[in-house]
Structures are given as C-alpha cells and as structure tokens.
C-alpha cells in the first residue's frame, strides 16, 4: 500500500513537471502551486482565473502539487527546468534558495510597485543580503484554538491569559475526562510550534533568534528550561495519548468530536472547520509565562517567487504585480484563513483572523517566522526529530539536547 501511494505521488509530480515544462517551451506562463486541501487549491485557481481575465494575452498553465510532495520536488525544479512562478515561504526558507542563485532578484519589482511601503512589515523576511527575492502574499497568526462549549462544560469562565490560568484549565478538562490538548506529533512541525512558543514566552524573541541562528548551545540552561516546561505538560498527561501516531489531519478530529479541547495551531486551519462546529470554536493568544519577557508571536509569511531559471520572466513579473495588489492580497487572505500581507488591503472580516490580527499587532517583543523558517533546513530537521524523540520519552531531555548540540556544532561549524 505504501509503495502504491509513493508511486502515485511520484507519478503526480512527474505529470506536473511535464505540464509546466511543456508550457514553458510553448512560451506560456507556468505556475506551480503547493496546496493542502481543496479550499487552498480553489482560492489559488480563482486567483489565476482572475489574472487570465485581466491579462487575456497570457496563456497560464497552473500545476497544483500537494504540499509535502511539493517540498520534496522544489529543489529539483529550481536547479533544472524551472516553472515561471512558485509559491513558497519567506525567511530562512527563501534565503536558502536565494543564496544559491536559484531565485530571481525582485528588488526592482518592489520599487516599481511601491512595495517598500505596502509590504514594509515583511520586507526584512523577504530579503537576503539587502535584496528582495519574494513577493509576500499572506501571513497568519498562531495561537490556541479551543472549544467554547467544553470550556463552559467544565467551568472555565474565561480564556487563559497567564500560564497558571492555562494549567488550571488543563487540570479541569482532564478531571472531566477531556484531553486538554490535541497535537499531531507525527507532523514534527506541529511540535515545533510548541517549542517556539515556550521559548518565546520563557526566554524572549532575541534569545530565540540567536538560537535559530546557531549562536546558542542546545545544552544552555535556558534551552533546557523550555524542554522542562514542556515535559511538565506531558507528565501531567495534558496532551492526547499517542500524539506521535497522528498527523495534523488525524489530530483535528479529537477537537471536532469533543475528545480534546485545545490545539496550538495557525489560523489557516480555521477554514477547514465543520460548518456546524465553527460557532463553538474560539481562539486566544498563547498564555504569558513570564510577564517580564516582551511578548513575541509567530507570524509566518507566505510568498511567491520567480525562479532564476524561469523561461517567461516578463509575464512572471506581471503575475506577481497582479497578486501583490491590495484586492488580490485580501482575497487570498480571506480564502486561506490568513491575513493580507499588503497593508492597503481591507481588514479581515473573519472573527478568528481579526483576533489573530490583534495578537500580531500587539507583539511588542517582535514576530518570528516559525522554527523551520527561522533556521537552516538541516538544523531544523535535526531539531524536529529531536522533539519527536523527546515527546516519545520525556526523560531523555539531556540526551536529546546533547545530540542537538553535536548537530549544531557540525552544521554551523561551531566549537
């Protein structure tokens, strides 16, 4: 069965490669879009259709590739026969390819389109060595989703704002036979969200970014403090059982079915909530652990890029200018359950997105991109494998941190 699935994914990727390869040869605009779920695919298809309507002289061939397969195939596309447009992520993930000469310099597009102003808040994350290589599309907040009805059922009268209030809520939920927190640990990045927020709340964003840059040892007492706080949640059995057995899609039903009450996740999942359940879903800021630490938040930014090896760069520049308009940025944000990166776009109307906007607007301690977007891919992969090992056996904190420190020294060539 696994072999059949693997062959299906490979066949799909080869078909997509052939499609945009043929399109590029024909002089049309080849667009590759990563997606997760029908909602994301549909909103991007609608955006492409609008571009076609506004630019009838451009023949667009769009290929949709499931997100995980996309991540695997992207390096090959960029280094050989590239499409004209790709969607990807800002921060270290963008810089990884920009530093290797695989992305087109878009600095002139930023000047021409006035993006220095409209995308001021995301310019740094869009840049590498002072040049811009991405056109931001949307960004989103991370926080705690929760079931309002379950909170009410166990006597939680308000959203937890402090760590003590959060732990008290977990205690009440567990006593009522409800798992306090759902997490899909098989998708290691869902665990990275927990590490990021615990580190941001305990040590602050300045320390967090130093760690992401490889400038802090994983054996540092401040890193162990993060894992120790995490271990206390695991020891108290506040997460669903066998969390490593579930990916995100497998963990969400615990929330939908009332078996779990909370989930730390980005606002992008909100569009996938069952319609009947949506009114019962709330969203609050990750609780404050140390009031003396400036409050920082996760605000990952999505983006589109022109590969350096693109064949139809003229129309590719037209496409990114179109997607970068306030109206299209707002449309993408609405459809993707995110926030528009363009500062001139209308404010979001979705209740959860509006809460996310307020959370990010009040992030006095700064905004991070996300664990595997703020550091090199190799170290991020090692870090997330370490998190899974830790969740599997929380008593192995020291072993995990020692192994990560060895990886840090090797990858960053630190002594």
Protein backbone atom coordinates (compact mmCIF):
# COMPACT_ATOMS: atom_id res chain seq x y z
CA UNK A 1 0.00 0.00 0.00
CA UNK A 2 2.78 2.43 0.94
CA UNK A 3 4.53 1.60 -2.32
CA UNK A 4 1.36 2.34 -4.30
CA UNK A 5 0.93 5.69 -2.53
CA UNK A 6 4.57 6.56 -3.15
CA UNK A 7 4.27 5.72 -6.86
CA UNK A 8 1.09 7.78 -7.12
CA UNK A 9 2.82 10.82 -5.61
CA UNK A 10 5.82 10.38 -7.93
CA UNK A 11 3.56 10.00 -10.96
CA UNK A 12 1.67 13.13 -9.98
CA UNK A 13 4.87 15.11 -9.60
CA UNK A 14 6.21 13.87 -12.95
CA UNK A 15 2.94 14.82 -14.62
CA UNK A 16 3.11 18.27 -13.10
CA UNK A 17 6.74 18.60 -14.20
CA UNK A 18 5.86 17.61 -17.74
CA UNK A 19 2.91 20.01 -17.81
CA UNK A 20 4.83 23.11 -16.81
CA UNK A 21 7.85 22.01 -18.83
CA UNK A 22 5.71 21.92 -21.95
CA UNK A 23 4.10 25.21 -21.01
CA UNK A 24 7.46 26.92 -20.63
CA UNK A 25 8.58 25.62 -24.02
CA UNK A 26 5.41 26.98 -25.61
CA UNK A 27 6.07 30.46 -24.22
CA UNK A 28 3.19 30.41 -21.75
CA UNK A 29 3.31 31.21 -18.03
CA UNK A 30 3.99 28.06 -15.98
CA UNK A 31 2.81 28.33 -12.37
CA UNK A 32 3.45 25.73 -9.67
CA UNK A 33 1.30 25.98 -6.55
CA UNK A 34 1.69 23.97 -3.35
CA UNK A 35 -1.60 23.33 -1.61
CA UNK A 36 -3.09 21.45 1.31
CA UNK A 37 -6.79 20.71 0.90
CA UNK A 38 -9.45 21.69 -1.62
CA UNK A 39 -10.03 25.14 -0.10
CA UNK A 40 -6.44 26.27 -0.74
CA UNK A 41 -6.47 24.86 -4.26
CA UNK A 42 -9.73 26.57 -5.11
CA UNK A 43 -8.67 30.01 -3.91
CA UNK A 44 -5.46 29.86 -5.93
CA UNK A 45 -7.32 28.62 -9.01
CA UNK A 46 -9.71 31.55 -8.66
CA UNK A 47 -6.75 33.94 -8.41
CA UNK A 48 -5.19 32.51 -11.58
CA UNK A 49 -8.55 32.81 -13.36
CA UNK A 50 -8.77 36.48 -12.40
CA UNK A 51 -5.26 37.06 -13.72
CA UNK A 52 -6.23 35.42 -17.01
CA UNK A 53 -9.29 37.64 -17.27
CA UNK A 54 -7.22 40.78 -16.63
CA UNK A 55 -4.44 39.59 -18.96
CA UNK A 56 -6.10 37.72 -21.84
CA UNK A 57 -2.87 37.76 -23.86
CA UNK A 58 -1.16 35.48 -21.31
CA UNK A 59 -1.67 31.73 -21.52
CA UNK A 60 -1.34 30.36 -17.97
CA UNK A 61 -0.70 26.72 -17.18
CA UNK A 62 -1.04 26.04 -13.45
CA UNK A 63 0.01 22.83 -11.73
CA UNK A 64 -1.22 22.06 -8.21
CA UNK A 65 1.04 19.81 -6.15
CA UNK A 66 0.22 18.52 -2.68
CA UNK A 67 2.33 20.36 -0.12
CA UNK A 68 4.54 17.53 1.12
CA UNK A 69 5.33 16.32 -2.41
CA UNK A 70 6.00 19.95 -3.42
CA UNK A 71 8.65 20.34 -0.71
CA UNK A 72 10.49 17.28 -1.99
CA UNK A 73 10.33 18.28 -5.67
CA UNK A 74 11.10 22.00 -5.36
CA UNK A 75 14.93 21.78 -5.24
CA UNK A 76 14.96 19.73 -8.44
CA UNK A 77 12.70 22.16 -10.27
CA UNK A 78 14.74 25.20 -9.31
CA UNK A 79 18.05 23.66 -10.32
CA UNK A 80 16.96 22.17 -13.65
CA UNK A 81 13.85 23.07 -15.66
CA UNK A 82 12.01 25.60 -13.53
CA UNK A 83 8.43 26.88 -13.77
CA UNK A 84 7.93 30.66 -14.04
CA UNK A 85 6.16 31.12 -10.70
CA UNK A 86 6.35 29.18 -7.43
CA UNK A 87 4.74 29.77 -4.06
CA UNK A 88 6.92 29.26 -1.00
CA UNK A 89 7.81 30.82 2.35
CA UNK A 90 9.70 33.89 3.50
CA UNK A 91 12.59 33.95 5.93
CA UNK A 92 15.29 31.28 6.00
CA UNK A 93 13.39 29.07 3.54
CA UNK A 94 13.51 31.81 0.92
CA UNK A 95 17.11 32.71 1.77
CA UNK A 96 18.20 29.09 1.32
CA UNK A 97 17.40 29.24 -2.40
CA UNK A 98 18.26 32.93 -2.91
CA UNK A 99 21.76 32.34 -1.53
CA UNK A 100 22.27 29.60 -4.11
CA UNK A 101 21.27 31.80 -7.04
CA UNK A 102 18.04 29.91 -7.68
CA UNK A 103 15.59 32.81 -7.23
CA UNK A 104 15.20 35.98 -9.29
CA UNK A 105 16.08 39.31 -7.65
CA UNK A 106 12.76 41.18 -7.30
CA UNK A 107 14.17 44.41 -5.88
CA UNK A 108 13.11 46.38 -8.98
CA UNK A 109 9.57 44.98 -8.63
CA UNK A 110 9.49 46.25 -5.05
CA UNK A 111 10.45 49.75 -6.19
CA UNK A 112 8.15 49.76 -9.22
CA UNK A 113 5.10 48.54 -7.30
CA UNK A 114 5.65 50.63 -4.17
CA UNK A 115 6.06 47.57 -2.00
CA UNK A 116 8.61 49.23 0.27
CA UNK A 117 5.57 50.92 1.79
CA UNK A 118 2.77 48.38 1.41
CA UNK A 119 4.95 45.44 2.48
CA UNK A 120 7.14 47.30 4.97
CA UNK A 121 6.45 44.85 7.81
CA UNK A 122 7.52 41.84 5.73
CA UNK A 123 10.43 43.40 3.81
CA UNK A 124 13.12 42.01 6.10
CA UNK A 125 11.74 38.47 5.84
CA UNK A 126 11.59 38.91 2.03
CA UNK A 127 15.23 39.94 1.74
CA UNK A 128 18.63 38.32 1.51
CA UNK A 129 21.76 40.46 1.63
CA UNK A 130 19.73 43.62 1.11
CA UNK A 131 17.85 42.42 -1.99
CA UNK A 132 14.26 41.20 -2.21
CA UNK A 133 13.56 37.76 -3.64
CA UNK A 134 9.91 37.27 -2.76
CA UNK A 135 6.53 38.90 -3.11
CA UNK A 136 4.62 38.36 0.17
CA UNK A 137 1.04 37.16 -0.17
CA UNK A 138 -0.38 36.41 3.27
CA UNK A 139 0.74 35.86 6.82
CA UNK A 140 -1.03 34.31 9.75
CA UNK A 141 -1.17 34.18 13.49
CA UNK A 142 -0.53 31.20 15.73
CA UNK A 143 -2.49 30.69 18.91
CA UNK A 144 -4.71 28.38 20.92
CA UNK A 145 -7.90 27.15 19.26
CA UNK A 146 -10.43 25.87 21.75
CA UNK A 147 -13.95 24.51 22.14
CA UNK A 148 -16.08 27.14 23.87
CA UNK A 149 -18.72 24.58 24.83
CA UNK A 150 -16.17 22.30 26.51
CA UNK A 151 -14.69 25.20 28.45
CA UNK A 152 -18.17 26.10 29.68
CA UNK A 153 -18.96 22.48 30.50
CA UNK A 154 -16.02 22.14 32.92
CA UNK A 155 -16.39 25.60 34.46
CA UNK A 156 -13.65 27.56 32.67
CA UNK A 157 -15.17 31.02 32.67
CA UNK A 158 -12.56 32.92 30.62
CA UNK A 159 -9.79 32.35 28.12
CA UNK A 160 -6.50 31.71 29.97
CA UNK A 161 -4.18 34.70 29.79
CA UNK A 162 -1.43 33.51 32.14
CA UNK A 163 0.38 30.19 32.42
CA UNK A 164 -1.20 29.47 35.80
CA UNK A 165 -4.65 30.04 34.34
CA UNK A 166 -3.80 27.78 31.42
CA UNK A 167 -2.60 24.98 33.70
CA UNK A 168 -5.75 25.34 35.81
CA UNK A 169 -7.87 24.99 32.67
CA UNK A 170 -5.93 21.87 31.66
CA UNK A 171 -6.49 20.40 35.12
CA UNK A 172 -10.25 20.95 34.92
CA UNK A 173 -10.52 19.46 31.45
CA UNK A 174 -8.52 16.38 32.37
CA UNK A 175 -10.63 15.84 35.51
CA UNK A 176 -13.71 15.84 33.29
CA UNK A 177 -12.26 13.14 31.04
CA UNK A 178 -11.41 15.54 28.20
CA UNK A 179 -7.89 15.65 26.80
CA UNK A 180 -6.81 19.27 27.28
CA UNK A 181 -4.62 19.49 24.17
CA UNK A 182 -4.61 17.83 20.75
CA UNK A 183 -1.38 17.73 18.75
CA UNK A 184 -0.42 15.80 15.62
CA UNK A 185 3.16 14.93 16.53
CA UNK A 186 3.71 12.73 13.50
CA UNK A 187 3.91 16.05 11.67
CA UNK A 188 7.01 17.21 13.52
CA UNK A 189 6.37 20.87 12.70
CA UNK A 190 3.31 20.83 14.97
CA UNK A 191 5.70 20.09 17.86
CA UNK A 192 7.97 22.91 16.70
CA UNK A 193 5.09 25.31 17.36
CA UNK A 194 5.13 24.25 21.00
CA UNK A 195 8.88 24.67 21.28
CA UNK A 196 8.75 28.10 19.65
CA UNK A 197 6.05 29.47 21.90
CA UNK A 198 7.51 28.10 25.10
CA UNK A 199 10.89 29.58 24.15
CA UNK A 200 9.39 32.94 23.14
CA UNK A 201 7.44 33.16 26.40
CA UNK A 202 10.26 31.96 28.67
CA UNK A 203 13.36 33.46 27.02
CA UNK A 204 12.06 36.07 24.57
CA UNK A 205 12.49 36.60 20.85
CA UNK A 206 16.06 37.97 20.98
CA UNK A 207 17.30 34.75 22.58
CA UNK A 208 15.07 32.69 20.29
CA UNK A 209 16.60 34.22 17.16
CA UNK A 210 20.11 33.66 18.50
CA UNK A 211 19.23 30.01 18.97
CA UNK A 212 17.76 29.85 15.47
CA UNK A 213 20.98 31.34 14.07
CA UNK A 214 23.10 28.66 15.75
CA UNK A 215 24.69 31.10 18.19
CA UNK A 216 23.46 29.41 21.39
CA UNK A 217 24.34 25.93 22.60
CA UNK A 218 21.46 23.48 22.99
CA UNK A 219 23.00 22.49 26.31
CA UNK A 220 22.40 26.05 27.56
CA UNK A 221 20.28 26.05 30.73
CA UNK A 222 17.76 28.36 29.05
CA UNK A 223 17.03 25.78 26.37
CA UNK A 224 16.62 23.04 28.96
CA UNK A 225 14.18 25.30 30.82
CA UNK A 226 11.95 25.28 27.74
CA UNK A 227 12.01 21.49 27.49
CA UNK A 228 11.39 21.16 31.23
CA UNK A 229 8.23 23.29 30.98
CA UNK A 230 7.13 21.16 28.03
CA UNK A 231 7.88 17.97 29.98
CA UNK A 232 5.58 19.06 32.79
CA UNK A 233 2.66 19.20 30.34
CA UNK A 234 3.49 15.72 29.06
CA UNK A 235 3.99 14.29 32.55
CA UNK A 236 0.60 15.64 33.62
CA UNK A 237 -0.92 13.92 30.54
CA UNK A 238 -2.38 17.13 29.14
CA UNK A 239 -1.79 16.05 25.52
CA UNK A 240 -3.80 13.39 23.71
CA UNK A 241 -2.48 9.84 24.10
CA UNK A 242 -0.10 8.57 21.42
CA UNK A 243 0.33 12.03 19.91
CA UNK A 244 3.14 10.81 17.65
CA UNK A 245 0.68 8.47 15.92
CA UNK A 246 -1.31 11.35 14.43
CA UNK A 247 -0.55 13.98 11.82
CA UNK A 248 -2.45 17.28 11.82
CA UNK A 249 -5.37 15.86 9.87
CA UNK A 250 -5.55 12.92 12.26
CA UNK A 251 -5.41 15.10 15.37
CA UNK A 252 -8.08 17.63 14.42
CA UNK A 253 -11.00 15.18 14.83
CA UNK A 254 -10.18 14.99 18.56
CA UNK A 255 -11.15 18.65 18.67
CA UNK A 256 -14.15 18.27 16.37
CA UNK A 257 -15.52 15.29 18.30
CA UNK A 258 -15.10 16.91 21.71
CA UNK A 259 -12.42 14.45 22.83
CA UNK A 260 -9.88 17.28 23.19
CA UNK A 261 -10.45 20.93 24.00
CA UNK A 262 -7.47 22.90 22.64
CA UNK A 263 -4.92 22.93 19.83
CA UNK A 264 -1.95 25.23 19.22
CA UNK A 265 -2.02 26.00 15.52
CA UNK A 266 -2.01 28.69 12.84
CA UNK A 267 -5.22 30.40 11.79
CA UNK A 268 -5.00 28.75 8.37
CA UNK A 269 -6.79 25.66 9.72
CA UNK A 270 -9.95 27.63 10.56
CA UNK A 271 -11.33 27.40 7.03
CA UNK A 272 -11.46 23.63 7.36
CA UNK A 273 -13.64 23.53 10.47
CA UNK A 274 -17.02 21.80 10.04
CA UNK A 275 -19.67 24.48 9.49
CA UNK A 276 -21.82 23.29 12.40
CA UNK A 277 -18.86 23.42 14.77
CA UNK A 278 -17.44 26.81 13.74
CA UNK A 279 -19.56 28.84 16.22
CA UNK A 280 -18.15 26.79 19.10
CA UNK A 281 -14.52 27.38 18.09
CA UNK A 282 -12.63 30.14 19.89
CA UNK A 283 -9.07 31.40 19.60
CA UNK A 284 -6.79 33.03 22.15
CA UNK A 285 -3.20 34.22 22.48
CA UNK A 286 -0.66 31.71 23.79
CA UNK A 287 -0.58 32.42 27.56
CA UNK A 288 2.04 34.64 29.15
CA UNK A 289 4.56 32.68 31.23
CA UNK A 290 6.86 35.49 32.37
CA UNK A 291 5.38 39.00 32.38
CA UNK A 292 8.89 40.47 32.28
CA UNK A 293 9.60 38.93 28.88
CA UNK A 294 8.43 41.13 25.95
CA UNK A 295 5.56 39.35 24.22
CA UNK A 296 6.56 37.96 20.83
CA UNK A 297 4.42 35.97 18.40
CA UNK A 298 4.68 33.63 15.45
CA UNK A 299 3.67 35.31 12.18
CA UNK A 300 4.84 33.14 9.25
CA UNK A 301 4.68 34.83 5.85
CA UNK A 302 3.74 33.06 2.61
CA UNK A 303 5.15 34.32 -0.67
CA UNK A 304 5.51 33.84 -4.41
CA UNK A 305 8.78 33.86 -6.35
CA UNK A 306 10.24 33.82 -9.84
CA UNK A 307 12.86 31.08 -10.24
CA UNK A 308 16.18 32.24 -11.69
CA UNK A 309 15.81 29.63 -14.44
CA UNK A 310 12.24 30.68 -15.36
CA UNK A 311 11.70 30.95 -19.11
CA UNK A 312 8.88 33.51 -19.21
CA UNK A 313 10.08 36.12 -16.77
CA UNK A 314 8.25 39.00 -18.47
CA UNK A 315 4.82 37.55 -17.74
CA UNK A 316 6.01 36.27 -14.36
CA UNK A 317 6.70 39.86 -13.30
CA UNK A 318 3.19 40.79 -14.45
CA UNK A 319 1.76 37.95 -12.38
CA UNK A 320 3.48 38.90 -9.13
CA UNK A 321 2.44 42.55 -9.61
CA UNK A 322 -1.16 41.39 -10.02
CA UNK A 323 -1.09 39.13 -6.95
CA UNK A 324 0.54 41.96 -4.99
CA UNK A 325 -2.41 44.32 -5.36
CA UNK A 326 -4.48 45.09 -2.23
CA UNK A 327 -7.62 43.41 -3.61
CA UNK A 328 -5.94 40.13 -4.52
CA UNK A 329 -3.95 40.04 -1.28
CA UNK A 330 -7.21 40.44 0.63
CA UNK A 331 -8.91 37.72 -1.43
CA UNK A 332 -6.10 35.25 -0.83
CA UNK A 333 -6.12 36.03 2.88
CA UNK A 334 -9.86 35.52 3.16
CA UNK A 335 -9.75 32.23 1.27
CA UNK A 336 -6.69 30.89 3.10
CA UNK A 337 -7.83 31.89 6.59
CA UNK A 338 -4.91 34.27 6.88
CA UNK A 339 -4.09 37.97 6.97
CA UNK A 340 -3.25 40.06 3.89
CA UNK A 341 0.45 40.94 3.68
CA UNK A 342 -0.45 44.13 1.79
CA UNK A 343 -1.01 46.91 4.33
CA UNK A 344 -3.51 48.62 1.99
CA UNK A 345 -5.79 45.59 1.83
CA UNK A 346 -9.13 45.73 3.68
CA UNK A 347 -9.08 44.43 7.25
CA UNK A 348 -10.13 40.78 7.64
CA UNK A 349 -13.79 40.10 8.43
CA UNK A 350 -13.42 36.54 9.74
CA UNK A 351 -13.61 36.61 13.58
CA UNK A 352 -10.60 34.35 14.14
CA UNK A 353 -8.48 36.24 11.61
CA UNK A 354 -9.40 39.51 13.34
CA UNK A 355 -8.23 38.09 16.68
CA UNK A 356 -5.03 36.95 15.01
CA UNK A 357 -4.53 40.42 13.57
CA UNK A 358 -4.87 41.96 17.03
CA UNK A 359 -2.43 39.44 18.52
CA UNK A 360 0.23 40.24 15.92
CA UNK A 361 -0.42 43.98 16.08
CA UNK A 362 0.37 43.95 19.80
CA UNK A 363 3.52 41.84 19.56
CA UNK A 364 5.86 44.28 21.29
CA UNK A 365 8.59 41.65 21.52
CA UNK A 366 8.70 41.02 17.78
CA UNK A 367 7.44 38.44 15.30
CA UNK A 368 9.20 35.20 14.39
CA UNK A 369 8.62 33.27 11.16
CA UNK A 370 8.49 29.75 12.65
CA UNK A 371 11.02 27.17 13.79
CA UNK A 372 11.81 25.63 10.40
CA UNK A 373 11.63 29.00 8.65
CA UNK A 374 13.94 30.86 11.01
CA UNK A 375 16.86 28.42 10.83
CA UNK A 376 18.72 26.39 8.23
CA UNK A 377 16.82 23.38 6.94
CA UNK A 378 19.41 20.85 8.10
CA UNK A 379 19.35 22.08 11.69
CA UNK A 380 15.57 22.43 11.67
CA UNK A 381 15.22 18.81 10.54
CA UNK A 382 17.53 17.65 13.32
CA UNK A 383 15.70 19.80 15.85
CA UNK A 384 12.27 18.46 14.94
CA UNK A 385 13.48 14.86 15.00
CA UNK A 386 14.81 15.62 18.47
CA UNK A 387 11.41 16.94 19.51
CA UNK A 388 9.73 13.73 18.42
CA UNK A 389 12.32 11.71 20.34
CA UNK A 390 11.68 13.89 23.40
CA UNK A 391 7.90 13.50 23.19
CA UNK A 392 8.36 9.75 22.86
CA UNK A 393 10.40 9.68 26.07
CA UNK A 394 10.47 12.98 28.04
CA UNK A 395 13.04 11.58 30.47
CA UNK A 396 15.64 11.82 27.69
CA UNK A 397 15.89 15.62 27.76
CA UNK A 398 19.64 15.65 28.32
CA UNK A 399 20.28 13.04 25.64
CA UNK A 400 18.18 14.97 23.13
CA UNK A 401 19.87 18.29 23.90
CA UNK A 402 23.35 16.78 23.78
CA UNK A 403 22.60 15.27 20.37
CA UNK A 404 21.23 18.59 19.11
CA UNK A 405 24.33 20.37 20.37
CA UNK A 406 26.52 18.00 18.37
CA UNK A 407 24.38 18.72 15.31
CA UNK A 408 24.67 22.45 15.91
CA UNK A 409 28.47 22.29 16.08
CA UNK A 410 28.61 20.22 12.90
CA UNK A 411 26.11 22.26 10.87
CA UNK A 412 27.17 25.72 11.98
CA UNK A 413 30.84 24.72 12.41
CA UNK A 414 30.82 26.00 15.98
CA UNK A 415 33.28 24.92 18.64
